[in-house]
PDB file of N, CA and C in Angstrom:
ATOM      1  N   MET A   1      -7.480  11.664  -0.443  1.00  0.00           N
ATOM      2  CA  MET A   1      -7.329  11.063   0.872  1.00  0.00           C
ATOM      3  C   MET A   1      -6.810  12.134   1.827  1.00  0.00           C
ATOM      4  N   THR A   2      -7.432  12.276   2.968  1.00  0.00           N
ATOM      5  CA  THR A   2      -6.984  13.269   3.936  1.00  0.00           C
ATOM      6  C   THR A   2      -5.733  12.767   4.643  1.00  0.00           C
ATOM      7  N   GLU A   3      -4.982  13.699   5.175  1.00  0.00           N
ATOM      8  CA  GLU A   3      -3.750  13.331   5.875  1.00  0.00           C
ATOM      9  C   GLU A   3      -4.053  12.403   7.050  1.00  0.00           C
ATOM     10  N   GLU A   4      -5.159  12.655   7.761  1.00  0.00           N
ATOM     11  CA  GLU A   4      -5.510  11.825   8.909  1.00  0.00           C
ATOM     12  C   GLU A   4      -5.858  10.395   8.475  1.00  0.00           C
ATOM     13  N   ALA A   5      -6.418  10.244   7.275  1.00  0.00           N
ATOM     14  CA  ALA A   5      -6.842   8.928   6.796  1.00  0.00           C
ATOM     15  C   ALA A   5      -5.704   8.151   6.145  1.00  0.00           C
ATOM     16  N   ARG A   6      -4.594   8.803   5.883  1.00  0.00           N
ATOM     17  CA  ARG A   6      -3.481   8.158   5.198  1.00  0.00           C
ATOM     18  C   ARG A   6      -2.833   7.115   6.116  1.00  0.00           C
ATOM     19  N   PRO A   7      -2.820   5.844   5.692  1.00  0.00           N
ATOM     20  CA  PRO A   7      -2.216   4.817   6.533  1.00  0.00           C
ATOM     21  C   PRO A   7      -0.696   4.859   6.449  1.00  0.00           C
ATOM     22  N   PRO A   8      -0.026   4.376   7.470  1.00  0.00           N
ATOM     23  CA  PRO A   8       1.429   4.243   7.385  1.00  0.00           C
ATOM     24  C   PRO A   8       1.747   3.078   6.447  1.00  0.00           C
ATOM     25  N   VAL A   9       2.987   2.702   6.354  1.00  0.00           N
ATOM     26  CA  VAL A   9       3.352   1.520   5.588  1.00  0.00           C
ATOM     27  C   VAL A   9       2.606   0.327   6.192  1.00  0.00           C
ATOM     28  N   VAL A  10       1.984  -0.463   5.339  1.00  0.00           N
ATOM     29  CA  VAL A  10       1.237  -1.625   5.792  1.00  0.00           C
ATOM     30  C   VAL A  10       2.104  -2.861   5.610  1.00  0.00           C
ATOM     31  N   ASP A  11       2.296  -3.611   6.673  1.00  0.00           N
ATOM     32  CA  ASP A  11       3.003  -4.882   6.586  1.00  0.00           C
ATOM     33  C   ASP A  11       2.003  -5.936   6.146  1.00  0.00           C
ATOM     34  N   ALA A  12       2.358  -6.676   5.093  1.00  0.00           N
ATOM     35  CA  ALA A  12       1.416  -7.633   4.520  1.00  0.00           C
ATOM     36  C   ALA A  12       2.146  -8.893   4.066  1.00  0.00           C
ATOM     37  N   ASP A  13       1.355  -9.913   3.744  1.00  0.00           N
ATOM     38  CA  ASP A  13       1.894 -11.110   3.120  1.00  0.00           C
ATOM     39  C   ASP A  13       1.412 -11.119   1.671  1.00  0.00           C
ATOM     40  N   ASP A  14       1.792 -12.137   0.904  1.00  0.00           N
ATOM     41  CA  ASP A  14       1.432 -12.188  -0.517  1.00  0.00           C
ATOM     42  C   ASP A  14      -0.079 -12.156  -0.743  1.00  0.00           C
ATOM     43  N   GLU A  15      -0.817 -12.882   0.078  1.00  0.00           N
ATOM     44  CA  GLU A  15      -2.272 -12.918  -0.076  1.00  0.00           C
ATOM     45  C   GLU A  15      -2.877 -11.538   0.159  1.00  0.00           C
ATOM     46  N   GLN A  16      -2.433 -10.859   1.200  1.00  0.00           N
ATOM     47  CA  GLN A  16      -2.936  -9.512   1.475  1.00  0.00           C
ATOM     48  C   GLN A  16      -2.544  -8.545   0.360  1.00  0.00           C
ATOM     49  N   LEU A  17      -1.321  -8.695  -0.177  1.00  0.00           N
ATOM     50  CA  LEU A  17      -0.883  -7.835  -1.269  1.00  0.00           C
ATOM     51  C   LEU A  17      -1.804  -7.987  -2.473  1.00  0.00           C
ATOM     52  N   ARG A  18      -2.159  -9.213  -2.826  1.00  0.00           N
ATOM     53  CA  ARG A  18      -3.060  -9.441  -3.960  1.00  0.00           C
ATOM     54  C   ARG A  18      -4.385  -8.700  -3.766  1.00  0.00           C
ATOM     55  N   ARG A  19      -4.873  -8.659  -2.553  1.00  0.00           N
ATOM     56  CA  ARG A  19      -6.118  -7.938  -2.259  1.00  0.00           C
ATOM     57  C   ARG A  19      -5.889  -6.433  -2.321  1.00  0.00           C
ATOM     58  N   LEU A  20      -4.810  -5.961  -1.730  1.00  0.00           N
ATOM     59  CA  LEU A  20      -4.538  -4.523  -1.657  1.00  0.00           C
ATOM     60  C   LEU A  20      -4.326  -3.891  -3.025  1.00  0.00           C
ATOM     61  N   ILE A  21      -3.688  -4.612  -3.950  1.00  0.00           N
ATOM     62  CA  ILE A  21      -3.430  -4.006  -5.261  1.00  0.00           C
ATOM     63  C   ILE A  21      -4.724  -3.795  -6.052  1.00  0.00           C
ATOM     64  N   HIS A  22      -5.787  -4.491  -5.652  1.00  0.00           N
ATOM     65  CA  HIS A  22      -7.078  -4.287  -6.301  1.00  0.00           C
ATOM     66  C   HIS A  22      -7.951  -3.288  -5.539  1.00  0.00           C
ATOM     67  N   GLU A  23      -7.619  -3.028  -4.295  1.00  0.00           N
ATOM     68  CA  GLU A  23      -8.377  -2.065  -3.486  1.00  0.00           C
ATOM     69  C   GLU A  23      -7.866  -0.634  -3.637  1.00  0.00           C
ATOM     70  N   HIS A  24      -6.630  -0.469  -4.102  1.00  0.00           N
ATOM     71  CA  HIS A  24      -6.010   0.855  -4.196  1.00  0.00           C
ATOM     72  C   HIS A  24      -5.543   1.096  -5.626  1.00  0.00           C
ATOM     73  N   LEU A  25      -5.698   2.319  -6.101  1.00  0.00           N
ATOM     74  CA  LEU A  25      -5.333   2.670  -7.467  1.00  0.00           C
ATOM     75  C   LEU A  25      -3.843   2.437  -7.726  1.00  0.00           C
ATOM     76  N   LYS A  26      -2.995   2.944  -6.832  1.00  0.00           N
ATOM     77  CA  LYS A  26      -1.543   2.812  -6.990  1.00  0.00           C
ATOM     78  C   LYS A  26      -0.961   2.222  -5.712  1.00  0.00           C
ATOM     79  N   VAL A  27      -0.157   1.172  -5.882  1.00  0.00           N
ATOM     80  CA  VAL A  27       0.476   0.495  -4.745  1.00  0.00           C
ATOM     81  C   VAL A  27       1.966   0.380  -5.025  1.00  0.00           C
ATOM     82  N   PHE A  28       2.764   0.675  -3.993  1.00  0.00           N
ATOM     83  CA  PHE A  28       4.215   0.544  -4.075  1.00  0.00           C
ATOM     84  C   PHE A  28       4.629  -0.419  -2.977  1.00  0.00           C
ATOM     85  N   ALA A  29       5.175  -1.568  -3.369  1.00  0.00           N
ATOM     86  CA  ALA A  29       5.526  -2.608  -2.409  1.00  0.00           C
ATOM     87  C   ALA A  29       7.036  -2.771  -2.310  1.00  0.00           C
ATOM     88  N   LYS A  30       7.493  -2.986  -1.094  1.00  0.00           N
ATOM     89  CA  LYS A  30       8.913  -3.236  -0.836  1.00  0.00           C
ATOM     90  C   LYS A  30       9.031  -4.607  -0.185  1.00  0.00           C
ATOM     91  N   PHE A  31       9.758  -5.502  -0.845  1.00  0.00           N
ATOM     92  CA  PHE A  31      10.076  -6.807  -0.265  1.00  0.00           C
ATOM     93  C   PHE A  31      11.435  -6.647   0.400  1.00  0.00           C
ATOM     94  N   THR A  32      11.494  -6.959   1.674  1.00  0.00           N
ATOM     95  CA  THR A  32      12.696  -6.702   2.450  1.00  0.00           C
ATOM     96  C   THR A  32      13.053  -7.908   3.311  1.00  0.00           C
ATOM     97  N   SER A  33      14.244  -7.880   3.883  1.00  0.00           N
ATOM     98  CA  SER A  33      14.714  -8.970   4.726  1.00  0.00           C
ATOM     99  C   SER A  33      15.520  -8.396   5.888  1.00  0.00           C
ATOM    100  N   ASP A  34      15.463  -9.075   7.013  1.00  0.00           N
ATOM    101  CA  ASP A  34      16.189  -8.608   8.197  1.00  0.00           C
ATOM    102  C   ASP A  34      17.706  -8.663   8.024  1.00  0.00           C
ATOM    103  N   ASN A  35      18.201  -9.577   7.197  1.00  0.00           N
ATOM    104  CA  ASN A  35      19.651  -9.741   7.064  1.00  0.00           C
ATOM    105  C   ASN A  35      20.176  -9.106   5.773  1.00  0.00           C
ATOM    106  N   CYS A  36      19.630  -7.969   5.396  1.00  0.00           N
ATOM    107  CA  CYS A  36      19.982  -7.293   4.148  1.00  0.00           C
ATOM    108  C   CYS A  36      20.447  -5.866   4.457  1.00  0.00           C
ATOM    109  N   PRO A  37      21.755  -5.593   4.342  1.00  0.00           N
ATOM    110  CA  PRO A  37      22.255  -4.245   4.635  1.00  0.00           C
ATOM    111  C   PRO A  37      21.625  -3.147   3.768  1.00  0.00           C
ATOM    112  N   ALA A  38      21.401  -3.423   2.479  1.00  0.00           N
ATOM    113  CA  ALA A  38      20.783  -2.420   1.604  1.00  0.00           C
ATOM    114  C   ALA A  38      19.337  -2.144   2.033  1.00  0.00           C
ATOM    115  N   CYS A  39      18.658  -3.183   2.523  1.00  0.00           N
ATOM    116  CA  CYS A  39      17.284  -3.004   3.018  1.00  0.00           C
ATOM    117  C   CYS A  39      17.278  -2.057   4.217  1.00  0.00           C
ATOM    118  N   ALA A  40      18.216  -2.268   5.119  1.00  0.00           N
ATOM    119  CA  ALA A  40      18.310  -1.422   6.306  1.00  0.00           C
ATOM    120  C   ALA A  40      18.646   0.020   5.914  1.00  0.00           C
ATOM    121  N   ALA A  41      19.529   0.179   4.935  1.00  0.00           N
ATOM    122  CA  ALA A  41      19.917   1.521   4.504  1.00  0.00           C
ATOM    123  C   ALA A  41      18.761   2.262   3.837  1.00  0.00           C
ATOM    124  N   LEU A  42      17.880   1.533   3.154  1.00  0.00           N
ATOM    125  CA  LEU A  42      16.759   2.172   2.461  1.00  0.00           C
ATOM    126  C   LEU A  42      15.508   2.296   3.329  1.00  0.00           C
ATOM    127  N   ALA A  43      15.532   1.762   4.543  1.00  0.00           N
ATOM    128  CA  ALA A  43      14.357   1.843   5.417  1.00  0.00           C
ATOM    129  C   ALA A  43      13.987   3.291   5.780  1.00  0.00           C
ATOM    130  N   PRO A  44      14.935   4.141   6.220  1.00  0.00           N
ATOM    131  CA  PRO A  44      14.547   5.525   6.546  1.00  0.00           C
ATOM    132  C   PRO A  44      14.008   6.300   5.338  1.00  0.00           C
ATOM    133  N   PRO A  45      14.652   6.213   4.142  1.00  0.00           N
ATOM    134  CA  PRO A  45      14.059   6.921   2.999  1.00  0.00           C
ATOM    135  C   PRO A  45      12.676   6.383   2.638  1.00  0.00           C
ATOM    136  N   PHE A  46      12.465   5.068   2.757  1.00  0.00           N
ATOM    137  CA  PHE A  46      11.167   4.489   2.442  1.00  0.00           C
ATOM    138  C   PHE A  46      10.092   5.087   3.347  1.00  0.00           C
ATOM    139  N   ALA A  47      10.386   5.213   4.624  1.00  0.00           N
ATOM    140  CA  ALA A  47       9.434   5.823   5.557  1.00  0.00           C
ATOM    141  C   ALA A  47       9.179   7.283   5.181  1.00  0.00           C
ATOM    142  N   LYS A  48      10.208   7.970   4.715  1.00  0.00           N
ATOM    143  CA  LYS A  48      10.078   9.373   4.293  1.00  0.00           C
ATOM    144  C   LYS A  48       9.179   9.478   3.050  1.00  0.00           C
ATOM    145  N   PHE A  49       9.303   8.530   2.120  1.00  0.00           N
ATOM    146  CA  PHE A  49       8.482   8.546   0.904  1.00  0.00           C
ATOM    147  C   PHE A  49       7.000   8.446   1.240  1.00  0.00           C
ATOM    148  N   VAL A  50       6.673   7.655   2.245  1.00  0.00           N
ATOM    149  CA  VAL A  50       5.276   7.458   2.649  1.00  0.00           C
ATOM    150  C   VAL A  50       4.660   8.779   3.079  1.00  0.00           C
ATOM    151  N   ASP A  51       5.427   9.591   3.772  1.00  0.00           N
ATOM    152  CA  ASP A  51       4.928  10.853   4.312  1.00  0.00           C
ATOM    153  C   ASP A  51       4.983  12.014   3.320  1.00  0.00           C
ATOM    154  N   ALA A  52       5.646  11.820   2.177  1.00  0.00           N
ATOM    155  CA  ALA A  52       5.796  12.913   1.210  1.00  0.00           C
ATOM    156  C   ALA A  52       4.454  13.248   0.566  1.00  0.00           C
ATOM    157  N   PRO A  53       4.071  14.520   0.552  1.00  0.00           N
ATOM    158  CA  PRO A  53       2.780  14.925  -0.019  1.00  0.00           C
ATOM    159  C   PRO A  53       2.587  14.476  -1.466  1.00  0.00           C
ATOM    160  N   GLU A  54       3.658  14.451  -2.240  1.00  0.00           N
ATOM    161  CA  GLU A  54       3.524  14.052  -3.651  1.00  0.00           C
ATOM    162  C   GLU A  54       3.167  12.575  -3.822  1.00  0.00           C
ATOM    163  N   ASN A  55       3.308  11.800  -2.746  1.00  0.00           N
ATOM    164  CA  ASN A  55       2.980  10.371  -2.793  1.00  0.00           C
ATOM    165  C   ASN A  55       1.646  10.057  -2.113  1.00  0.00           C
ATOM    166  N   ALA A  56       0.839  11.063  -1.899  1.00  0.00           N
ATOM    167  CA  ALA A  56      -0.418  10.880  -1.158  1.00  0.00           C
ATOM    168  C   ALA A  56      -1.360   9.878  -1.815  1.00  0.00           C
ATOM    169  N   ASP A  57      -1.261   9.713  -3.126  1.00  0.00           N
ATOM    170  CA  ASP A  57      -2.163   8.792  -3.822  1.00  0.00           C
ATOM    171  C   ASP A  57      -1.601   7.378  -3.940  1.00  0.00           C
ATOM    172  N   ILE A  58      -0.457   7.136  -3.330  1.00  0.00           N
ATOM    173  CA  ILE A  58       0.187   5.821  -3.413  1.00  0.00           C
ATOM    174  C   ILE A  58       0.029   5.102  -2.077  1.00  0.00           C
ATOM    175  N   PHE A  59      -0.369   3.847  -2.132  1.00  0.00           N
ATOM    176  CA  PHE A  59      -0.510   3.004  -0.947  1.00  0.00           C
ATOM    177  C   PHE A  59       0.783   2.200  -0.815  1.00  0.00           C
ATOM    178  N   PHE A  60       1.443   2.295   0.338  1.00  0.00           N
ATOM    179  CA  PHE A  60       2.737   1.653   0.561  1.00  0.00           C
ATOM    180  C   PHE A  60       2.593   0.367   1.372  1.00  0.00           C
ATOM    181  N   VAL A  61       3.263  -0.680   0.893  1.00  0.00           N
ATOM    182  CA  VAL A  61       3.194  -1.991   1.520  1.00  0.00           C
ATOM    183  C   VAL A  61       4.621  -2.523   1.685  1.00  0.00           C
ATOM    184  N   ARG A  62       4.855  -3.185   2.803  1.00  0.00           N
ATOM    185  CA  ARG A  62       6.148  -3.830   3.072  1.00  0.00           C
ATOM    186  C   ARG A  62       5.901  -5.317   3.294  1.00  0.00           C
ATOM    187  N   LEU A  63       6.711  -6.152   2.632  1.00  0.00           N
ATOM    188  CA  LEU A  63       6.568  -7.604   2.753  1.00  0.00           C
ATOM    189  C   LEU A  63       7.907  -8.230   3.108  1.00  0.00           C
ATOM    190  N   ASP A  64       7.862  -9.333   3.816  1.00  0.00           N
ATOM    191  CA  ASP A  64       9.059 -10.088   4.172  1.00  0.00           C
ATOM    192  C   ASP A  64       9.425 -10.978   2.990  1.00  0.00           C
ATOM    193  N   SER A  65      10.572 -10.739   2.389  1.00  0.00           N
ATOM    194  CA  SER A  65      10.964 -11.501   1.194  1.00  0.00           C
ATOM    195  C   SER A  65      11.125 -12.990   1.492  1.00  0.00           C
ATOM    196  N   ASP A  66      11.389 -13.333   2.736  1.00  0.00           N
ATOM    197  CA  ASP A  66      11.554 -14.744   3.088  1.00  0.00           C
ATOM    198  C   ASP A  66      10.252 -15.524   2.919  1.00  0.00           C
ATOM    199  N   GLN A  67       9.131 -14.813   2.814  1.00  0.00           N
ATOM    200  CA  GLN A  67       7.835 -15.468   2.635  1.00  0.00           C
ATOM    201  C   GLN A  67       7.394 -15.482   1.171  1.00  0.00           C
ATOM    202  N   ASN A  68       8.229 -14.957   0.264  1.00  0.00           N
ATOM    203  CA  ASN A  68       7.902 -14.917  -1.154  1.00  0.00           C
ATOM    204  C   ASN A  68       9.080 -15.507  -1.932  1.00  0.00           C
ATOM    205  N   PRO A  69       8.901 -16.669  -2.548  1.00  0.00           N
ATOM    206  CA  PRO A  69      10.022 -17.340  -3.223  1.00  0.00           C
ATOM    207  C   PRO A  69      10.689 -16.515  -4.322  1.00  0.00           C
ATOM    208  N   VAL A  70       9.918 -15.765  -5.109  1.00  0.00           N
ATOM    209  CA  VAL A  70      10.504 -14.969  -6.183  1.00  0.00           C
ATOM    210  C   VAL A  70      11.357 -13.852  -5.600  1.00  0.00           C
ATOM    211  N   ALA A  71      10.817 -13.103  -4.649  1.00  0.00           N
ATOM    212  CA  ALA A  71      11.569 -12.016  -4.026  1.00  0.00           C
ATOM    213  C   ALA A  71      12.781 -12.559  -3.269  1.00  0.00           C
ATOM    214  N   GLN A  72      12.617 -13.678  -2.611  1.00  0.00           N
ATOM    215  CA  GLN A  72      13.721 -14.284  -1.869  1.00  0.00           C
ATOM    216  C   GLN A  72      14.878 -14.624  -2.816  1.00  0.00           C
ATOM    217  N   GLN A  73      14.575 -15.201  -3.974  1.00  0.00           N
ATOM    218  CA  GLN A  73      15.624 -15.550  -4.938  1.00  0.00           C
ATOM    219  C   GLN A  73      16.311 -14.305  -5.491  1.00  0.00           C
ATOM    220  N   LEU A  74      15.517 -13.283  -5.818  1.00  0.00           N
ATOM    221  CA  LEU A  74      16.106 -12.040  -6.330  1.00  0.00           C
ATOM    222  C   LEU A  74      17.017 -11.390  -5.296  1.00  0.00           C
ATOM    223  N   MET A  75      16.606 -11.423  -4.034  1.00  0.00           N
ATOM    224  CA  MET A  75      17.442 -10.822  -2.991  1.00  0.00           C
ATOM    225  C   MET A  75      18.741 -11.597  -2.809  1.00  0.00           C
ATOM    226  N   LYS A  76      18.701 -12.910  -2.993  1.00  0.00           N
ATOM    227  CA  LYS A  76      19.928 -13.703  -2.907  1.00  0.00           C
ATOM    228  C   LYS A  76      20.882 -13.354  -4.042  1.00  0.00           C
ATOM    229  N   GLU A  77      20.315 -13.117  -5.231  1.00  0.00           N
ATOM    230  CA  GLU A  77      21.129 -12.802  -6.405  1.00  0.00           C
ATOM    231  C   GLU A  77      21.664 -11.380  -6.378  1.00  0.00           C
ATOM    232  N   ARG A  78      20.845 -10.421  -5.976  1.00  0.00           N
ATOM    233  CA  ARG A  78      21.205  -8.999  -6.071  1.00  0.00           C
ATOM    234  C   ARG A  78      21.542  -8.367  -4.728  1.00  0.00           C
ATOM    235  N   ILE A  79      21.214  -9.033  -3.623  1.00  0.00           N
ATOM    236  CA  ILE A  79      21.450  -8.524  -2.266  1.00  0.00           C
ATOM    237  C   ILE A  79      20.896  -7.105  -2.127  1.00  0.00           C
ATOM    238  N   ALA A  80      19.612  -6.968  -2.432  1.00  0.00           N
ATOM    239  CA  ALA A  80      18.953  -5.669  -2.372  1.00  0.00           C
ATOM    240  C   ALA A  80      17.463  -5.875  -2.180  1.00  0.00           C
ATOM    241  N   PRO A  81      16.792  -4.880  -1.601  1.00  0.00           N
ATOM    242  CA  PRO A  81      15.330  -4.979  -1.497  1.00  0.00           C
ATOM    243  C   PRO A  81      14.713  -4.959  -2.893  1.00  0.00           C
ATOM    244  N   PHE A  82      13.558  -5.555  -2.991  1.00  0.00           N
ATOM    245  CA  PHE A  82      12.858  -5.714  -4.253  1.00  0.00           C
ATOM    246  C   PHE A  82      11.625  -4.818  -4.208  1.00  0.00           C
ATOM    247  N   PHE A  83      11.510  -3.882  -5.159  1.00  0.00           N
ATOM    248  CA  PHE A  83      10.416  -2.923  -5.180  1.00  0.00           C
ATOM    249  C   PHE A  83       9.485  -3.218  -6.357  1.00  0.00           C
ATOM    250  N   VAL A  84       8.178  -3.141  -6.097  1.00  0.00           N
ATOM    251  CA  VAL A  84       7.184  -3.429  -7.132  1.00  0.00           C
ATOM    252  C   VAL A  84       6.131  -2.325  -7.144  1.00  0.00           C
ATOM    253  N   SER A  85       5.828  -1.833  -8.346  1.00  0.00           N
ATOM    254  CA  SER A  85       4.790  -0.813  -8.539  1.00  0.00           C
ATOM    255  C   SER A  85       3.583  -1.451  -9.205  1.00  0.00           C
ATOM    256  N   TYR A  86       2.395  -1.117  -8.710  1.00  0.00           N
ATOM    257  CA  TYR A  86       1.144  -1.609  -9.279  1.00  0.00           C
ATOM    258  C   TYR A  86       0.224  -0.428  -9.551  1.00  0.00           C
ATOM    259  N   HIS A  87      -0.543  -0.527 -10.623  1.00  0.00           N
ATOM    260  CA  HIS A  87      -1.574   0.465 -10.930  1.00  0.00           C
ATOM    261  C   HIS A  87      -2.814  -0.295 -11.360  1.00  0.00           C
ATOM    262  N   GLN A  88      -3.920  -0.017 -10.700  1.00  0.00           N
ATOM    263  CA  GLN A  88      -5.205  -0.662 -10.975  1.00  0.00           C
ATOM    264  C   GLN A  88      -5.067  -2.191 -11.015  1.00  0.00           C
ATOM    265  N   GLY A  89      -4.332  -2.721 -10.056  1.00  0.00           N
ATOM    266  CA  GLY A  89      -4.198  -4.166  -9.932  1.00  0.00           C
ATOM    267  C   GLY A  89      -3.211  -4.813 -10.886  1.00  0.00           C
ATOM    268  N   ARG A  90      -2.536  -4.005 -11.696  1.00  0.00           N
ATOM    269  CA  ARG A  90      -1.580  -4.552 -12.656  1.00  0.00           C
ATOM    270  C   ARG A  90      -0.158  -4.153 -12.307  1.00  0.00           C
ATOM    271  N   LEU A  91       0.750  -5.105 -12.503  1.00  0.00           N
ATOM    272  CA  LEU A  91       2.164  -4.851 -12.262  1.00  0.00           C
ATOM    273  C   LEU A  91       2.685  -3.885 -13.319  1.00  0.00           C
ATOM    274  N   LEU A  92       3.333  -2.818 -12.880  1.00  0.00           N
ATOM    275  CA  LEU A  92       3.942  -1.855 -13.797  1.00  0.00           C
ATOM    276  C   LEU A  92       5.438  -2.056 -13.903  1.00  0.00           C
ATOM    277  N   GLU A  93       6.076  -2.279 -12.751  1.00  0.00           N
ATOM    278  CA  GLU A  93       7.534  -2.302 -12.725  1.00  0.00           C
ATOM    279  C   GLU A  93       7.994  -3.045 -11.486  1.00  0.00           C
ATOM    280  N   CYS A  94       9.088  -3.783 -11.629  1.00  0.00           N
ATOM    281  CA  CYS A  94       9.675  -4.441 -10.462  1.00  0.00           C
ATOM    282  C   CYS A  94      11.177  -4.550 -10.663  1.00  0.00           C
ATOM    283  N   ASP A  95      11.915  -4.345  -9.570  1.00  0.00           N
ATOM    284  CA  ASP A  95      13.367  -4.426  -9.649  1.00  0.00           C
ATOM    285  C   ASP A  95      13.956  -4.451  -8.239  1.00  0.00           C
ATOM    286  N   ALA A  96      15.128  -5.030  -8.138  1.00  0.00           N
ATOM    287  CA  ALA A  96      15.906  -4.973  -6.896  1.00  0.00           C
ATOM    288  C   ALA A  96      16.730  -3.691  -6.975  1.00  0.00           C
ATOM    289  N   LEU A  97      16.563  -2.812  -5.998  1.00  0.00           N
ATOM    290  CA  LEU A  97      17.219  -1.506  -6.020  1.00  0.00           C
ATOM    291  C   LEU A  97      18.092  -1.328  -4.787  1.00  0.00           C
ATOM    292  N   THR A  98      19.199  -0.609  -4.959  1.00  0.00           N
ATOM    293  CA  THR A  98      20.116  -0.400  -3.835  1.00  0.00           C
ATOM    294  C   THR A  98      20.314   1.075  -3.482  1.00  0.00           C
ATOM    295  N   GLU A  99      19.887   1.978  -4.354  1.00  0.00           N
ATOM    296  CA  GLU A  99      20.115   3.401  -4.140  1.00  0.00           C
ATOM    297  C   GLU A  99      18.798   4.147  -3.967  1.00  0.00           C
ATOM    298  N   GLU A 100      18.796   5.116  -3.086  1.00  0.00           N
ATOM    299  CA  GLU A 100      17.603   5.924  -2.852  1.00  0.00           C
ATOM    300  C   GLU A 100      17.106   6.576  -4.144  1.00  0.00           C
ATOM    301  N   GLY A 101      18.024   7.060  -4.966  1.00  0.00           N
ATOM    302  CA  GLY A 101      17.648   7.700  -6.220  1.00  0.00           C
ATOM    303  C   GLY A 101      16.891   6.773  -7.156  1.00  0.00           C
ATOM    304  N   GLU A 102      17.245   5.494  -7.143  1.00  0.00           N
ATOM    305  CA  GLU A 102      16.539   4.510  -7.970  1.00  0.00           C
ATOM    306  C   GLU A 102      15.096   4.346  -7.499  1.00  0.00           C
ATOM    307  N   VAL A 103      14.915   4.342  -6.182  1.00  0.00           N
ATOM    308  CA  VAL A 103      13.569   4.204  -5.614  1.00  0.00           C
ATOM    309  C   VAL A 103      12.753   5.461  -5.930  1.00  0.00           C
ATOM    310  N   VAL A 104      13.370   6.618  -5.792  1.00  0.00           N
ATOM    311  CA  VAL A 104      12.704   7.890  -6.108  1.00  0.00           C
ATOM    312  C   VAL A 104      12.238   7.887  -7.566  1.00  0.00           C
ATOM    313  N   ALA A 105      13.079   7.408  -8.470  1.00  0.00           N
ATOM    314  CA  ALA A 105      12.732   7.366  -9.892  1.00  0.00           C
ATOM    315  C   ALA A 105      11.564   6.411 -10.155  1.00  0.00           C
ATOM    316  N   GLN A 106      11.569   5.256  -9.498  1.00  0.00           N
ATOM    317  CA  GLN A 106      10.464   4.312  -9.690  1.00  0.00           C
ATOM    318  C   GLN A 106       9.161   4.901  -9.151  1.00  0.00           C
ATOM    319  N   LEU A 107       9.233   5.560  -8.012  1.00  0.00           N
ATOM    320  CA  LEU A 107       8.042   6.221  -7.466  1.00  0.00           C
ATOM    321  C   LEU A 107       7.532   7.315  -8.403  1.00  0.00           C
ATOM    322  N   ALA A 108       8.437   8.078  -9.001  1.00  0.00           N
ATOM    323  CA  ALA A 108       8.034   9.137  -9.928  1.00  0.00           C
ATOM    324  C   ALA A 108       7.311   8.548 -11.134  1.00  0.00           C
ATOM    325  N   ARG A 109       7.797   7.426 -11.635  1.00  0.00           N
ATOM    326  CA  ARG A 109       7.126   6.788 -12.772  1.00  0.00           C
ATOM    327  C   ARG A 109       5.739   6.291 -12.378  1.00  0.00           C
ATOM    328  N   LEU A 110       5.603   5.772 -11.155  1.00  0.00           N
ATOM    329  CA  LEU A 110       4.294   5.326 -10.683  1.00  0.00           C
ATOM    330  C   LEU A 110       3.347   6.519 -10.533  1.00  0.00           C
ATOM    331  N   ARG A 111       3.825   7.598  -9.955  1.00  0.00           N
ATOM    332  CA  ARG A 111       2.989   8.809  -9.796  1.00  0.00           C
ATOM    333  C   ARG A 111       2.504   9.301 -11.147  1.00  0.00           C
ATOM    334  N   ALA A 112       3.373   9.283 -12.148  1.00  0.00           N
ATOM    335  CA  ALA A 112       3.060   9.831 -13.459  1.00  0.00           C
ATOM    336  C   ALA A 112       2.225   8.897 -14.322  1.00  0.00           C
ATOM    337  N   PHE A 113       2.140   7.639 -13.957  1.00  0.00           N
ATOM    338  CA  PHE A 113       1.456   6.669 -14.812  1.00  0.00           C
ATOM    339  C   PHE A 113      -0.032   6.946 -14.906  1.00  0.00           C
ATOM    340  N   GLU A 114      -0.515   7.004 -16.124  1.00  0.00           N
ATOM    341  CA  GLU A 114      -1.948   7.148 -16.395  1.00  0.00           C
ATOM    342  C   GLU A 114      -2.312   6.034 -17.365  1.00  0.00           C
ATOM    343  N   PRO A 115      -3.316   5.244 -17.046  1.00  0.00           N
ATOM    344  CA  PRO A 115      -3.685   4.139 -17.944  1.00  0.00           C
ATOM    345  C   PRO A 115      -4.296   4.661 -19.240  1.00  0.00           C
ATOM    346  N   VAL A 116      -4.127   3.881 -20.278  1.00  0.00           N
ATOM    347  CA  VAL A 116      -4.769   4.198 -21.548  1.00  0.00           C
ATOM    348  C   VAL A 116      -6.244   3.871 -21.390  1.00  0.00           C
ATOM    349  N   ARG A 117      -7.085   4.777 -21.762  1.00  0.00           N
ATOM    350  CA  ARG A 117      -8.537   4.553 -21.600  1.00  0.00           C
ATOM    351  C   ARG A 117      -9.160   4.113 -22.900  1.00  0.00           C
TER     352      ARG A 117
END
């Protein structure tokens, strides 16, 4: 994908996410909320991850957790944004994360993931 063709973070809903995870090889989704301090703290690093050359093959999506019952419940329990990695339409990893290093590690695992053929 050329730098000019690389989309910014795409804001989507659950239905759009289901379509996007099948249209893109690797997808990294962040479920976030306006009233979440950890979400606000991780917003600048998340934007930085999108622009990082090593993440060029990853499609980034942002969703409002208030529109997803599972993410909404997890955010109430953990008070943190919920990150989900997908590869070839399949869920690889999901967790509520509060530290930039945790997000970096999840992204590294997604970058390194190669399906068994």
